[in-house]
Every structure is written in C-alpha cells, then in structure tokens.
Amino acid sequence: MASWIERLKAGLAKTAKLLDVRSWLGRTVDQSFLERLEAQLLQADVGVKATERLLQKVKEGFEGKTADEDLLAFVKAELINLLTPAGGAPEAIRYAPTPPTTLLIAGVNGSGKTTSVAKLTHRIRSEGKSLVLAACDTFRAAAADQLAVWAQRTGADLVRGQTGADPASVAHDACDRALARKADVLMVDTAGRLHTQTHLMRELEKIRNVLQRKIPNAPHEVFLVLDGTAGQNAIRQAEMFSKSIGCTGIILTKLDGTAKGGVAVAIRQTLDLPVRFIGVGEGIDDLQPFRAEEFVASLFGERLAASPN
C-alpha cells in the first residue's frame, strides 16, 4: 500500500500539472511571466487574495531576473506561510483540558461529512481515547447506520434517535451519555445541509446551543467538511457556516484527482480558518492531519520524507 505522502502527491498530481512550476525556470520575470503565473494560480483555485499577494512578492523580489530554483523556493515558502496561521499550525484536534472534548461536525450534502466522521472515529479510538458518537443526522437512516458500523468496529459508543427525531434531543442524550461514562471525546455528526437553507442552519445552531448548555466551553472544535472539488463555492459555504456556528477548522476532502488543490490556500486567506485534516481517498487512513510543508511539496510535484501521523 502506498504511503500517505505518496497518496497525497498522487492526489494533487492534476494541480501540480496545472501549475507546471518547472516550466517557469529560465524565463524572464516580466509582465508576461506574471500574467501566466496569475492564470495558473487562479485556475488552481488559490484565490484572488492569495494570488495578488504572491504576485506582488514575486514582482518585488524577482522582476527582471531569470526564474531559477531560488524563485521556486521563494514561492514554496510563501505558500507555506499563507497556509500557516500567525500563531503557528494548531494541533489537528485541540483536546480540552477537562473531558469530554466535544467536536461538532458540519457540512453540505455530498461533502464526505459522515465518512469523515467515521475516519475520525477510527483515528481517535486508535489513540486509545474513549468516544461517544452522536448521530444527529436523523434525516438519513443510512448516516446513522454507517456510524453504527464504525462504532461497533472501533468500540465507540453510539447515541442515535428514530428517523426524523429532533437532532437537538439526540445531542442532549449524547451529552448525558458522554458525561455519565466520563468519555474522553464526544463527536456530533449533523445532517448535511446547504448553507442557503436558513431553517436547517438554525437547527444546527440549536444543536450547538445544547452542547454549550450541557458541557462547559463546548463545542471545543467545530469542523466544517468541505469538498475540495467545489473550488470557490467552498469558500461561500465556509463563510455562511462560520457565521452561523463559529467554525474552528476545515476538513478538506476529495482532493484526489482534482486540479483545484489550491483552494486550501484560498480558504486559509479568505476566512482565516486553518485546514486541520485533508482527505485524498476513500480508505480509512486517507484522512490525515494537514501539514503545509507536505501539501506545498505535493503541489510542486515533489515529495517530502514521511512525517509521523
């Protein structure tokens, strides 16, 4: 089986081909060069804000010079900087000093949300932490069934309601279960919804309010699952969800085989939200903590040595 680094590089291969950074070498950094660089960055969904900043820095440092390895190293360093929060990259999951750490997971239909919850379940249980899962997607029996499978496989505790039950009541019961059993983590899956569906967004806020009432400082993390192939539309989704429930991080999925890998930069710059996890496949280990250095190396078609998960 290919290593995570190899899978990441393969997943971002189309973005790397689009950027075609090696073709920059030997060219004079003039207006034509900058226009071509701008087009490549925008097509890769790096976003207007980040692209403008990067172009300005390249112009200031290299205009009139011949593009060489120093320019490539400079662009890589700038991209890493753009992807890294001012205080440094946060932990993939920031665990609360007093359990249960409460994770609220949201996202639109088809983003890979429930699958990501299953993968996080596997990860958290592999760390030896006890976990209560709240199946608050009561609209789709299949979502709760999927979580039931992973709860059984990993030894997690599942709280679910009848199809059509009030999701907030399921969250309430899950809080009671997590507190009674002194669980390390409570993770709450929610129904997929469009960011334009006001009534469903209010329901999500209701779930958040239940968590806040039942557990001090909850939810400790609010992860928004975004489909990497959605490109700039993912930005609008993130804006609306953040406004409604105060997201703390992004899980970016489905980056395998897309030419829009630069959207991670756009999200970071537009919303000031760190990408916490990235997914490049369907396997249970294909959701890994986001590391800017690995990501940028893969955007350049390069490969870093594997780092610990």
Protein backbone atom coordinates (compact mmCIF):
# COMPACT_ATOMS: atom_id res chain seq x y z
CA MET A 1 0.00 0.00 0.00
CA ALA A 2 1.30 3.46 -0.92
CA SER A 3 2.39 5.71 1.94
CA TRP A 4 0.34 8.77 2.89
CA ILE A 5 2.90 11.09 1.27
CA GLU A 6 2.72 9.13 -1.98
CA ARG A 7 -1.09 9.22 -1.92
CA LEU A 8 -1.06 12.96 -1.27
CA LYS A 9 1.30 13.58 -4.16
CA ALA A 10 -0.82 11.40 -6.45
CA GLY A 11 -3.99 13.12 -5.30
CA LEU A 12 -2.62 16.57 -6.11
CA ALA A 13 -0.99 15.48 -9.38
CA LYS A 14 -3.54 17.34 -11.54
CA THR A 15 -3.00 20.55 -9.60
CA ALA A 16 0.77 20.11 -9.90
CA LYS A 17 0.43 19.55 -13.65
CA LEU A 18 -1.66 22.70 -13.98
CA LEU A 19 0.85 24.81 -12.06
CA ASP A 20 3.73 23.25 -14.04
CA VAL A 21 6.28 25.08 -11.89
CA ARG A 22 9.29 23.65 -13.73
CA SER A 23 8.17 25.49 -16.84
CA TRP A 24 8.85 28.76 -15.04
CA LEU A 25 12.60 28.10 -15.00
CA GLY A 26 14.78 30.01 -17.44
CA ARG A 27 12.11 32.61 -18.23
CA THR A 28 12.48 36.30 -17.54
CA VAL A 29 10.24 37.50 -14.73
CA ASP A 30 8.38 40.18 -16.69
CA GLN A 31 4.74 41.15 -17.17
CA SER A 32 4.10 38.15 -19.40
CA PHE A 33 5.59 35.81 -16.79
CA LEU A 34 3.48 37.35 -14.02
CA GLU A 35 0.29 37.11 -16.08
CA ARG A 36 0.94 33.44 -16.80
CA LEU A 37 1.68 32.78 -13.13
CA GLU A 38 -1.52 34.58 -12.14
CA ALA A 39 -3.60 32.48 -14.54
CA GLN A 40 -2.11 29.23 -13.22
CA LEU A 41 -2.70 30.14 -9.58
CA LEU A 42 -6.29 31.19 -10.20
CA GLN A 43 -7.06 28.07 -12.22
CA ALA A 44 -5.75 26.01 -9.29
CA ASP A 45 -8.21 27.92 -7.05
CA VAL A 46 -5.54 29.58 -4.92
CA GLY A 47 -7.93 32.54 -4.82
CA VAL A 48 -7.68 36.21 -5.74
CA LYS A 49 -6.41 37.48 -2.38
CA ALA A 50 -3.57 34.98 -2.06
CA THR A 51 -2.69 35.21 -5.75
CA GLU A 52 -2.38 39.01 -5.63
CA ARG A 53 -0.17 38.82 -2.55
CA LEU A 54 2.06 36.18 -4.09
CA LEU A 55 2.40 38.02 -7.40
CA GLN A 56 3.37 41.24 -5.62
CA LYS A 57 6.10 39.48 -3.65
CA VAL A 58 7.45 37.73 -6.77
CA LYS A 59 7.48 41.04 -8.61
CA GLU A 60 9.29 42.81 -5.76
CA GLY A 61 11.93 40.13 -5.39
CA PHE A 62 12.49 38.83 -8.92
CA GLU A 63 11.29 41.29 -11.57
CA GLY A 64 13.76 41.45 -14.44
CA LYS A 65 15.64 38.37 -13.23
CA THR A 66 15.69 34.91 -14.72
CA ALA A 67 13.42 32.47 -12.90
CA ASP A 68 15.54 29.82 -11.18
CA GLU A 69 15.48 27.44 -8.24
CA ASP A 70 15.61 30.40 -5.86
CA LEU A 71 12.29 31.63 -7.23
CA LEU A 72 10.72 28.18 -6.81
CA ALA A 73 11.96 28.00 -3.23
CA PHE A 74 10.61 31.51 -2.61
CA VAL A 75 7.15 30.67 -3.96
CA LYS A 76 7.03 27.45 -1.92
CA ALA A 77 8.00 29.32 1.24
CA GLU A 78 5.33 31.96 0.58
CA LEU A 79 2.65 29.34 0.02
CA ILE A 80 3.61 27.59 3.26
CA ASN A 81 3.43 30.94 5.02
CA LEU A 82 0.00 31.64 3.52
CA LEU A 83 -1.24 28.27 4.77
CA THR A 84 0.12 28.64 8.30
CA PRO A 85 -1.81 30.60 10.97
CA ALA A 86 0.04 33.51 12.59
CA GLY A 87 0.47 31.62 15.86
CA GLY A 88 1.70 28.50 14.11
CA ALA A 89 -0.17 25.43 12.95
CA PRO A 90 -2.63 24.16 15.58
CA GLU A 91 -2.91 20.55 16.64
CA ALA A 92 -5.15 18.51 14.36
CA ILE A 93 -7.59 18.24 17.27
CA ARG A 94 -7.21 20.52 20.27
CA TYR A 95 -8.28 18.38 23.19
CA ALA A 96 -9.92 20.15 26.11
CA PRO A 97 -8.09 20.06 29.47
CA THR A 98 -11.23 18.62 31.04
CA PRO A 99 -13.05 15.90 29.07
CA PRO A 100 -15.17 15.33 27.20
CA THR A 101 -13.67 17.23 24.28
CA THR A 102 -16.68 17.99 22.11
CA LEU A 103 -16.38 18.00 18.32
CA LEU A 104 -19.24 19.33 16.19
CA ILE A 105 -19.00 18.27 12.54
CA ALA A 106 -20.96 20.12 9.83
CA GLY A 107 -21.05 20.32 6.04
CA VAL A 108 -23.22 20.24 2.95
CA ASN A 109 -24.68 17.11 1.39
CA GLY A 110 -22.12 15.15 -0.57
CA SER A 111 -19.06 16.75 1.04
CA GLY A 112 -17.96 13.50 2.66
CA LYS A 113 -19.05 14.58 6.14
CA THR A 114 -20.29 11.30 7.62
CA THR A 115 -17.42 9.39 6.01
CA SER A 116 -15.01 11.88 7.61
CA VAL A 117 -16.69 11.33 10.98
CA ALA A 118 -16.13 7.57 10.55
CA LYS A 119 -12.45 8.16 9.75
CA LEU A 120 -12.06 10.47 12.74
CA THR A 121 -13.69 7.82 14.91
CA HIS A 122 -11.07 5.33 13.78
CA ARG A 123 -8.29 7.84 14.46
CA ILE A 124 -9.49 8.89 17.92
CA ARG A 125 -10.07 5.32 19.05
CA SER A 126 -6.63 4.34 17.69
CA GLU A 127 -5.20 6.94 20.08
CA GLY A 128 -6.77 5.00 22.93
CA LYS A 129 -9.42 7.61 23.75
CA SER A 130 -12.96 6.69 24.70
CA LEU A 131 -15.54 8.16 22.36
CA VAL A 132 -19.27 8.80 22.24
CA LEU A 133 -20.74 9.38 18.78
CA ALA A 134 -23.94 11.39 18.39
CA ALA A 135 -25.80 10.52 15.18
CA CYS A 136 -27.66 13.82 14.80
CA ASP A 137 -28.31 13.30 11.10
CA THR A 138 -31.78 11.95 11.82
CA PHE A 139 -33.00 12.61 8.29
CA ARG A 140 -30.94 9.81 6.75
CA ALA A 141 -31.09 6.43 8.43
CA ALA A 142 -28.10 5.43 6.30
CA ALA A 143 -25.92 8.04 8.04
CA ALA A 144 -26.65 6.62 11.49
CA ASP A 145 -26.24 3.08 10.13
CA GLN A 146 -22.80 3.99 8.78
CA LEU A 147 -21.75 5.37 12.15
CA ALA A 148 -23.15 2.29 13.89
CA VAL A 149 -20.81 0.12 11.82
CA TRP A 150 -17.78 2.17 12.82
CA ALA A 151 -18.86 2.39 16.44
CA GLN A 152 -19.02 -1.40 16.54
CA ARG A 153 -15.69 -1.82 14.75
CA THR A 154 -13.82 0.60 16.98
CA GLY A 155 -15.60 0.16 20.29
CA ALA A 156 -17.06 3.66 20.30
CA ASP A 157 -20.41 4.35 21.97
CA LEU A 158 -23.23 5.46 19.64
CA VAL A 159 -26.26 7.56 20.54
CA ARG A 160 -28.93 7.71 17.84
CA GLY A 161 -32.62 8.52 17.60
CA GLN A 162 -35.51 7.42 15.46
CA THR A 163 -35.56 8.63 11.84
CA GLY A 164 -36.98 12.14 11.86
CA ALA A 165 -36.31 12.70 15.57
CA ASP A 166 -35.25 16.13 16.83
CA PRO A 167 -31.46 16.26 16.26
CA ALA A 168 -31.01 18.53 19.28
CA SER A 169 -32.62 15.90 21.52
CA VAL A 170 -30.11 13.33 20.25
CA ALA A 171 -27.29 15.78 21.04
CA HIS A 172 -28.77 16.25 24.54
CA ASP A 173 -28.84 12.49 25.17
CA ALA A 174 -25.32 12.11 23.80
CA CYS A 175 -24.03 14.78 26.21
CA ASP A 176 -25.61 12.90 29.12
CA ARG A 177 -24.03 9.64 27.91
CA ALA A 178 -20.58 11.20 27.50
CA LEU A 179 -20.71 12.79 30.95
CA ALA A 180 -22.04 9.67 32.66
CA ARG A 181 -19.37 7.46 31.13
CA LYS A 182 -16.59 10.03 31.54
CA ALA A 183 -15.79 9.78 27.83
CA ASP A 184 -12.68 11.48 26.51
CA VAL A 185 -14.43 12.71 23.35
CA LEU A 186 -17.97 13.44 22.20
CA MET A 187 -18.27 13.77 18.43
CA VAL A 188 -21.51 15.05 16.91
CA ASP A 189 -22.41 14.28 13.31
CA THR A 190 -25.07 16.55 11.80
CA ALA A 191 -27.32 16.42 8.78
CA GLY A 192 -25.84 17.65 5.53
CA ARG A 193 -27.41 20.94 4.54
CA LEU A 194 -26.93 23.70 2.05
CA HIS A 195 -25.61 26.92 3.51
CA THR A 196 -28.63 28.66 1.94
CA GLN A 197 -31.20 26.59 3.90
CA THR A 198 -31.93 29.00 6.75
CA HIS A 199 -34.19 26.69 8.73
CA LEU A 200 -31.62 23.90 8.68
CA MET A 201 -28.84 26.27 9.68
CA ARG A 202 -30.97 27.30 12.67
CA GLU A 203 -31.30 23.65 13.59
CA LEU A 204 -27.51 23.39 13.57
CA GLU A 205 -27.33 26.40 15.87
CA LYS A 206 -29.82 24.66 18.17
CA ILE A 207 -27.52 21.63 18.41
CA ARG A 208 -24.61 23.91 19.23
CA ASN A 209 -26.65 25.61 21.94
CA VAL A 210 -27.47 22.25 23.53
CA LEU A 211 -23.78 21.35 23.65
CA GLN A 212 -22.94 24.71 25.22
CA ARG A 213 -25.55 24.25 27.94
CA LYS A 214 -24.59 20.69 28.82
CA ILE A 215 -20.77 20.77 28.69
CA PRO A 216 -18.54 23.69 29.75
CA ASN A 217 -16.93 25.52 26.79
CA ALA A 218 -18.47 23.10 24.28
CA PRO A 219 -18.19 22.63 21.42
CA HIS A 220 -14.43 22.77 21.73
CA GLU A 221 -13.95 22.23 17.99
CA VAL A 222 -16.35 22.94 15.13
CA PHE A 223 -15.07 21.29 11.98
CA LEU A 224 -16.58 22.11 8.60
CA VAL A 225 -16.18 19.40 5.96
CA LEU A 226 -15.63 20.87 2.50
CA ASP A 227 -15.45 19.09 -0.85
CA GLY A 228 -12.14 20.17 -2.38
CA THR A 229 -13.55 19.82 -5.89
CA ALA A 230 -16.11 22.56 -5.14
CA GLY A 231 -13.43 25.20 -5.61
CA GLN A 232 -14.50 28.75 -4.83
CA ASN A 233 -18.04 27.63 -3.97
CA ALA A 234 -16.50 26.01 -0.91
CA ILE A 235 -15.45 29.49 0.24
CA ARG A 236 -19.04 30.71 0.25
CA GLN A 237 -20.14 27.62 2.17
CA ALA A 238 -17.45 28.19 4.77
CA GLU A 239 -18.40 31.84 5.16
CA MET A 240 -22.03 31.00 5.93
CA PHE A 241 -21.29 28.11 8.28
CA SER A 242 -18.68 30.14 10.16
CA LYS A 243 -21.14 32.97 10.63
CA SER A 244 -23.76 30.57 11.96
CA ILE A 245 -21.79 28.21 14.22
CA GLY A 246 -18.26 29.63 14.54
CA CYS A 247 -16.08 27.08 12.78
CA THR A 248 -12.62 26.42 14.21
CA GLY A 249 -11.18 24.39 11.34
CA ILE A 250 -11.71 22.74 7.98
CA ILE A 251 -11.66 19.12 6.89
CA LEU A 252 -10.88 19.26 3.18
CA THR A 253 -11.95 16.12 1.32
CA LYS A 254 -11.88 14.64 -2.18
CA LEU A 255 -8.65 16.27 -3.28
CA ASP A 256 -7.62 13.10 -5.10
CA GLY A 257 -7.65 13.77 -8.81
CA THR A 258 -8.75 17.41 -8.75
CA ALA A 259 -7.00 20.42 -10.30
CA LYS A 260 -8.34 22.67 -7.54
CA GLY A 261 -5.93 21.81 -4.73
CA GLY A 262 -5.05 25.46 -4.24
CA VAL A 263 -8.42 26.01 -2.57
CA ALA A 264 -6.72 25.22 0.75
CA VAL A 265 -4.77 28.47 0.36
CA ALA A 266 -7.90 30.40 -0.58
CA ILE A 267 -9.79 29.11 2.46
CA ARG A 268 -6.94 29.98 4.81
CA GLN A 269 -6.55 33.52 3.42
CA THR A 270 -10.21 34.40 2.91
CA LEU A 271 -11.62 33.02 6.15
CA ASP A 272 -8.62 32.83 8.48
CA LEU A 273 -9.56 29.21 9.16
CA PRO A 274 -6.88 26.52 9.34
CA VAL A 275 -7.25 23.29 7.41
CA ARG A 276 -6.99 20.60 10.11
CA PHE A 277 -7.40 17.43 8.06
CA ILE A 278 -7.12 16.58 4.40
CA GLY A 279 -8.56 13.62 2.54
CA VAL A 280 -7.26 12.16 -0.70
CA GLY A 281 -9.14 8.89 -0.95
CA GLU A 282 -11.78 6.56 0.43
CA GLY A 283 -9.54 4.43 2.64
CA ILE A 284 -9.88 4.68 6.42
CA ASP A 285 -6.33 6.13 6.65
CA ASP A 286 -6.87 8.58 3.78
CA LEU A 287 -7.80 11.38 6.18
CA GLN A 288 -4.69 12.79 7.79
CA PRO A 289 -3.66 15.94 9.68
CA PHE A 290 -2.89 18.80 7.33
CA ARG A 291 0.75 19.82 7.13
CA ALA A 292 1.57 22.83 4.97
CA GLU A 293 5.05 21.63 4.01
CA GLU A 294 3.78 18.28 2.73
CA PHE A 295 0.91 19.93 0.92
CA VAL A 296 3.03 22.52 -0.89
CA ALA A 297 5.66 19.93 -1.84
CA SER A 298 2.88 17.88 -3.44
CA LEU A 299 1.54 20.96 -5.26
CA PHE A 300 5.02 21.26 -6.78
CA GLY A 301 5.04 17.58 -7.72
CA GLU A 302 7.69 16.89 -5.11
CA ARG A 303 7.79 14.52 -2.18
CA LEU A 304 8.87 15.14 1.41
CA ALA A 305 10.00 12.42 3.73
CA ALA A 306 7.11 10.90 5.62
CA SER A 307 6.30 12.51 8.94
CA PRO A 308 4.52 10.90 11.88
CA ASN A 309 0.71 10.93 11.73
